[in-house]
Amino acid sequence: MSREGVITDVDFDRLQALYDACPVRDGWEEVKKYTLKNKSVITVYRRKRGKRHLYEYLTIGDVHVSAEVFWMVNNDLKYRRLWDNYCEELKVIEEYDGERDAAIYWRVAFPMPFTNRDYVFYREHRVQKGVFMTVAKASPHKAKPPTRDVRVEDFTNDTLLMHSDTGPDWCKYVSIYYDDPKAHIPNSVLNWVTSTAIPGFLENMFKACSKYNVDRNPKLQEFRKAFKGEI
């Protein structure tokens, strides 16, 4: 499938509107609030999607890392493989504008007894008026046909970052995530996710931010410089 029409202005408008509406209430229930070692405070919400037992998750926080570094850590695919314990494989299949717009393959380790999942998705970045926005959406690509893993075909992950009044090395963080894992996930696993997997992932991510060298990825540097006047 062509990347044309997979991600549109509507996706970015929806993400901006979600941020503008914070704190959200309608339809969202608070799952848990996390206070991390670096003093970041993050709240996770969920909302049922469709008739099945599937939820989309909304994360809102004031986090102790600059928007620029946070954005670069989350979009440096090679670096993510070093700190994300659940990431088995993550790579660009095809890029269209120096990784600003790309098709990506992602293989994720699932806890036993589940089969690992893999994803093929398109991702696009925009920076406008000091706001970093990333939209990702599943869509097929001829270079990555299905494997023996379970292919997740319904997936979105949208993130917004902007500078925070808390301080120069803080940012406001909003992310909305949804996927259909094609399996019934028991409550025991969902409880493990909220009590162990999410806080562990967040701690690893912010530890990775604290160690990140912003000069390590030339392609992200090019994108960063291109928008320097807007950051």
Protein backbone atom coordinates (compact mmCIF):
# COMPACT_ATOMS: atom_id res chain seq x y z
CA MET A 1 0.00 0.00 0.00
CA SER A 2 1.22 3.51 -0.77
CA ARG A 3 1.90 5.86 2.09
CA GLU A 4 -0.42 8.39 0.45
CA GLY A 5 -3.54 8.86 2.54
CA VAL A 6 -2.35 6.70 5.45
CA ILE A 7 -1.55 9.76 7.59
CA THR A 8 -3.32 13.06 6.89
CA ASP A 9 -3.78 16.51 8.41
CA VAL A 10 -6.85 15.15 10.21
CA ASP A 11 -4.61 12.91 12.35
CA PHE A 12 -2.49 15.84 13.48
CA ASP A 13 -5.54 18.04 14.08
CA ARG A 14 -7.05 15.31 16.26
CA LEU A 15 -3.85 15.04 18.29
CA GLN A 16 -3.69 18.79 18.82
CA ALA A 17 -7.37 18.86 19.84
CA LEU A 18 -6.73 16.08 22.35
CA TYR A 19 -3.98 18.13 23.97
CA ASP A 20 -6.11 21.28 23.99
CA ALA A 21 -8.86 19.36 25.83
CA CYS A 22 -6.57 18.17 28.66
CA PRO A 23 -7.30 17.27 31.35
CA VAL A 24 -9.67 14.87 29.63
CA ARG A 25 -12.71 13.36 31.30
CA ASP A 26 -15.37 12.22 28.83
CA GLY A 27 -15.20 8.47 28.48
CA TRP A 28 -11.72 8.13 30.00
CA GLU A 29 -11.03 6.35 33.27
CA GLU A 30 -7.82 6.81 35.20
CA VAL A 31 -5.74 3.63 35.32
CA LYS A 32 -2.81 4.78 37.43
CA LYS A 33 -0.61 7.74 38.25
CA TYR A 34 3.15 7.19 38.28
CA THR A 35 5.79 9.31 40.01
CA LEU A 36 9.17 8.33 38.59
CA LYS A 37 12.67 8.51 40.02
CA ASN A 38 13.44 11.67 38.01
CA LYS A 39 10.34 13.35 39.55
CA SER A 40 8.29 13.09 36.36
CA VAL A 41 4.57 12.59 37.01
CA ILE A 42 2.62 10.61 34.42
CA THR A 43 -1.04 9.59 34.47
CA VAL A 44 -2.40 6.77 32.30
CA TYR A 45 -6.07 6.68 31.26
CA ARG A 46 -8.03 4.20 29.19
CA ARG A 47 -11.24 4.21 27.17
CA LYS A 48 -13.09 1.25 25.71
CA ARG A 49 -12.96 1.06 21.93
CA GLY A 50 -15.59 -0.92 20.06
CA LYS A 51 -17.66 -3.78 21.42
CA ARG A 52 -14.77 -6.08 22.34
CA HIS A 53 -12.63 -5.86 25.48
CA LEU A 54 -10.16 -3.51 23.84
CA TYR A 55 -8.99 -0.16 25.15
CA GLU A 56 -7.10 2.81 23.84
CA TYR A 57 -4.66 4.31 26.32
CA LEU A 58 -3.95 7.96 26.94
CA THR A 59 -0.80 9.08 28.75
CA ILE A 60 -0.43 12.63 30.05
CA GLY A 61 2.52 13.96 31.99
CA ASP A 62 4.91 16.70 32.97
CA VAL A 63 8.27 15.03 32.49
CA HIS A 64 11.83 15.88 33.49
CA VAL A 65 13.49 15.91 30.07
CA SER A 66 13.53 18.51 27.32
CA ALA A 67 11.01 18.08 24.50
CA GLU A 68 13.85 17.95 22.00
CA VAL A 69 15.74 15.10 23.72
CA PHE A 70 12.55 13.19 24.49
CA TRP A 71 11.51 13.38 20.83
CA MET A 72 14.94 12.28 19.58
CA VAL A 73 15.15 9.30 21.98
CA ASN A 74 11.73 8.06 20.91
CA ASN A 75 12.55 8.34 17.23
CA ASP A 76 16.13 7.05 17.17
CA LEU A 77 15.27 3.48 16.21
CA LYS A 78 18.76 2.04 16.71
CA TYR A 79 18.99 3.58 20.16
CA ARG A 80 15.58 2.25 21.17
CA ARG A 81 16.75 -1.30 20.57
CA LEU A 82 19.35 -0.71 23.30
CA TRP A 83 16.99 0.39 26.08
CA ASP A 84 13.55 -1.07 25.29
CA ASN A 85 13.48 -4.61 26.74
CA TYR A 86 10.41 -5.55 24.70
CA CYS A 87 11.82 -4.47 21.34
CA GLU A 88 13.06 -7.48 19.36
CA GLU A 89 13.50 -5.68 16.05
CA LEU A 90 12.88 -2.12 14.88
CA LYS A 91 13.97 -0.69 11.55
CA VAL A 92 13.02 1.60 8.70
CA ILE A 93 11.67 -0.27 5.68
CA GLU A 94 11.46 2.77 3.44
CA GLU A 95 12.05 6.44 4.13
CA TYR A 96 10.67 9.37 2.22
CA ASP A 97 12.13 12.48 3.83
CA GLY A 98 15.15 11.70 5.98
CA GLU A 99 13.07 9.64 8.46
CA ARG A 100 10.64 12.52 8.86
CA ASP A 101 8.22 10.30 6.98
CA ALA A 102 8.90 6.55 6.92
CA ALA A 103 7.54 3.02 6.81
CA ILE A 104 8.76 1.00 9.80
CA TYR A 105 8.88 -2.64 10.92
CA TRP A 106 8.62 -3.39 14.65
CA ARG A 107 8.77 -6.79 16.37
CA VAL A 108 7.70 -6.90 20.03
CA ALA A 109 8.30 -9.59 22.66
CA PHE A 110 5.08 -10.65 24.37
CA PRO A 111 5.02 -12.45 27.75
CA MET A 112 4.57 -16.22 27.78
CA PRO A 113 2.44 -17.98 26.66
CA PHE A 114 1.65 -15.41 23.94
CA THR A 115 3.27 -15.37 20.52
CA ASN A 116 5.35 -12.30 19.71
CA ARG A 117 3.64 -9.56 17.74
CA ASP A 118 4.95 -7.58 14.81
CA TYR A 119 3.85 -4.32 13.25
CA VAL A 120 4.26 -2.54 9.93
CA PHE A 121 3.35 1.11 10.17
CA TYR A 122 3.85 4.53 8.67
CA ARG A 123 5.16 7.36 10.82
CA GLU A 124 5.27 11.08 10.20
CA HIS A 125 6.73 13.93 12.26
CA ARG A 126 5.75 17.56 12.38
CA VAL A 127 7.07 20.42 14.47
CA GLN A 128 5.03 23.60 14.57
CA LYS A 129 4.99 26.51 16.99
CA GLY A 130 7.30 24.71 19.39
CA VAL A 131 5.22 21.53 19.46
CA PHE A 132 6.63 18.15 18.40
CA MET A 133 3.99 15.80 16.97
CA THR A 134 4.41 12.23 15.77
CA VAL A 135 1.64 10.14 14.22
CA ALA A 136 2.03 6.40 13.57
CA LYS A 137 -0.54 4.16 11.94
CA ALA A 138 -0.48 0.51 10.81
CA SER A 139 -0.59 -0.17 7.09
CA PRO A 140 0.83 -2.96 4.89
CA HIS A 141 4.10 -2.64 2.99
CA LYS A 142 5.20 -5.01 0.24
CA ALA A 143 8.73 -5.24 1.69
CA LYS A 144 7.44 -6.86 4.91
CA PRO A 145 4.79 -9.56 4.35
CA PRO A 146 3.37 -11.36 7.42
CA THR A 147 5.70 -13.68 9.34
CA ARG A 148 5.08 -16.49 11.82
CA ASP A 149 4.52 -13.81 14.47
CA VAL A 150 1.04 -12.37 14.91
CA ARG A 151 0.79 -9.32 12.66
CA VAL A 152 -1.02 -6.42 14.38
CA GLU A 153 -3.03 -4.73 11.66
CA ASP A 154 -4.98 -2.21 13.74
CA PHE A 155 -2.53 0.08 15.52
CA THR A 156 -2.11 3.80 16.18
CA ASN A 157 0.37 5.65 18.37
CA ASP A 158 0.30 9.44 18.40
CA THR A 159 2.53 11.63 20.56
CA LEU A 160 2.68 15.34 21.31
CA LEU A 161 5.53 17.07 23.16
CA MET A 162 5.91 20.72 24.06
CA HIS A 163 7.99 22.80 26.43
CA SER A 164 6.82 23.01 30.04
CA ASP A 165 6.73 25.99 32.37
CA THR A 166 8.18 23.74 35.09
CA GLY A 167 11.68 24.37 33.76
CA PRO A 168 13.98 24.37 30.69
CA ASP A 169 14.61 20.63 30.97
CA TRP A 170 10.95 19.69 31.32
CA CYS A 171 8.22 19.06 28.77
CA LYS A 172 4.54 18.31 28.57
CA TYR A 173 3.83 14.86 27.17
CA VAL A 174 0.61 13.52 25.64
CA SER A 175 0.39 10.14 23.93
CA ILE A 176 -2.53 8.03 22.75
CA TYR A 177 -2.01 4.36 21.93
CA TYR A 178 -4.23 1.62 20.56
CA ASP A 179 -3.71 -1.80 19.08
CA ASP A 180 -5.69 -4.97 18.56
CA PRO A 181 -3.37 -7.84 19.61
CA LYS A 182 -5.75 -10.43 18.13
CA ALA A 183 -6.06 -12.24 21.43
CA HIS A 184 -8.04 -12.08 24.65
CA ILE A 185 -5.71 -10.65 27.25
CA PRO A 186 -6.64 -11.90 30.76
CA ASN A 187 -6.95 -9.48 33.66
CA SER A 188 -3.87 -10.97 35.32
CA VAL A 189 -1.75 -9.87 32.35
CA LEU A 190 -3.40 -6.44 32.23
CA ASN A 191 -2.65 -6.01 35.95
CA TRP A 192 0.98 -6.98 35.31
CA VAL A 193 1.17 -4.39 32.54
CA THR A 194 -0.03 -1.54 34.76
CA SER A 195 1.91 -2.59 37.87
CA THR A 196 5.21 -3.70 36.30
CA ALA A 197 5.56 -3.28 32.53
CA ILE A 198 4.50 0.37 32.22
CA PRO A 199 6.54 1.80 35.13
CA GLY A 200 9.54 -0.31 34.09
CA PHE A 201 9.30 0.93 30.52
CA LEU A 202 8.98 4.56 31.63
CA GLU A 203 11.97 4.33 33.97
CA ASN A 204 14.08 2.78 31.20
CA MET A 205 12.96 5.43 28.73
CA PHE A 206 13.87 8.37 30.98
CA LYS A 207 17.16 6.75 31.94
CA ALA A 208 17.87 6.47 28.21
CA CYS A 209 16.99 10.17 27.82
CA SER A 210 19.50 11.14 30.52
CA LYS A 211 22.28 9.31 28.66
CA TYR A 212 21.37 10.37 25.13
CA ASN A 213 23.89 12.13 22.91
CA VAL A 214 21.85 14.40 20.65
CA ASP A 215 24.62 14.30 18.03
CA ARG A 216 24.55 10.51 17.61
CA ASN A 217 21.99 10.35 14.78
CA PRO A 218 22.83 12.51 11.70
CA LYS A 219 19.41 12.01 10.09
CA LEU A 220 17.56 13.21 13.17
CA GLN A 221 20.04 16.09 13.41
CA GLU A 222 19.10 17.16 9.88
CA PHE A 223 15.41 17.14 10.80
CA ARG A 224 16.15 18.98 14.05
CA LYS A 225 18.10 21.71 12.27
CA ALA A 226 15.44 22.11 9.59
CA PHE A 227 12.91 23.04 12.27
CA LYS A 228 15.29 24.89 14.58
CA GLY A 229 13.43 28.13 14.11
CA GLU A 230 10.21 26.54 15.33
CA ILE A 231 11.57 24.72 18.36
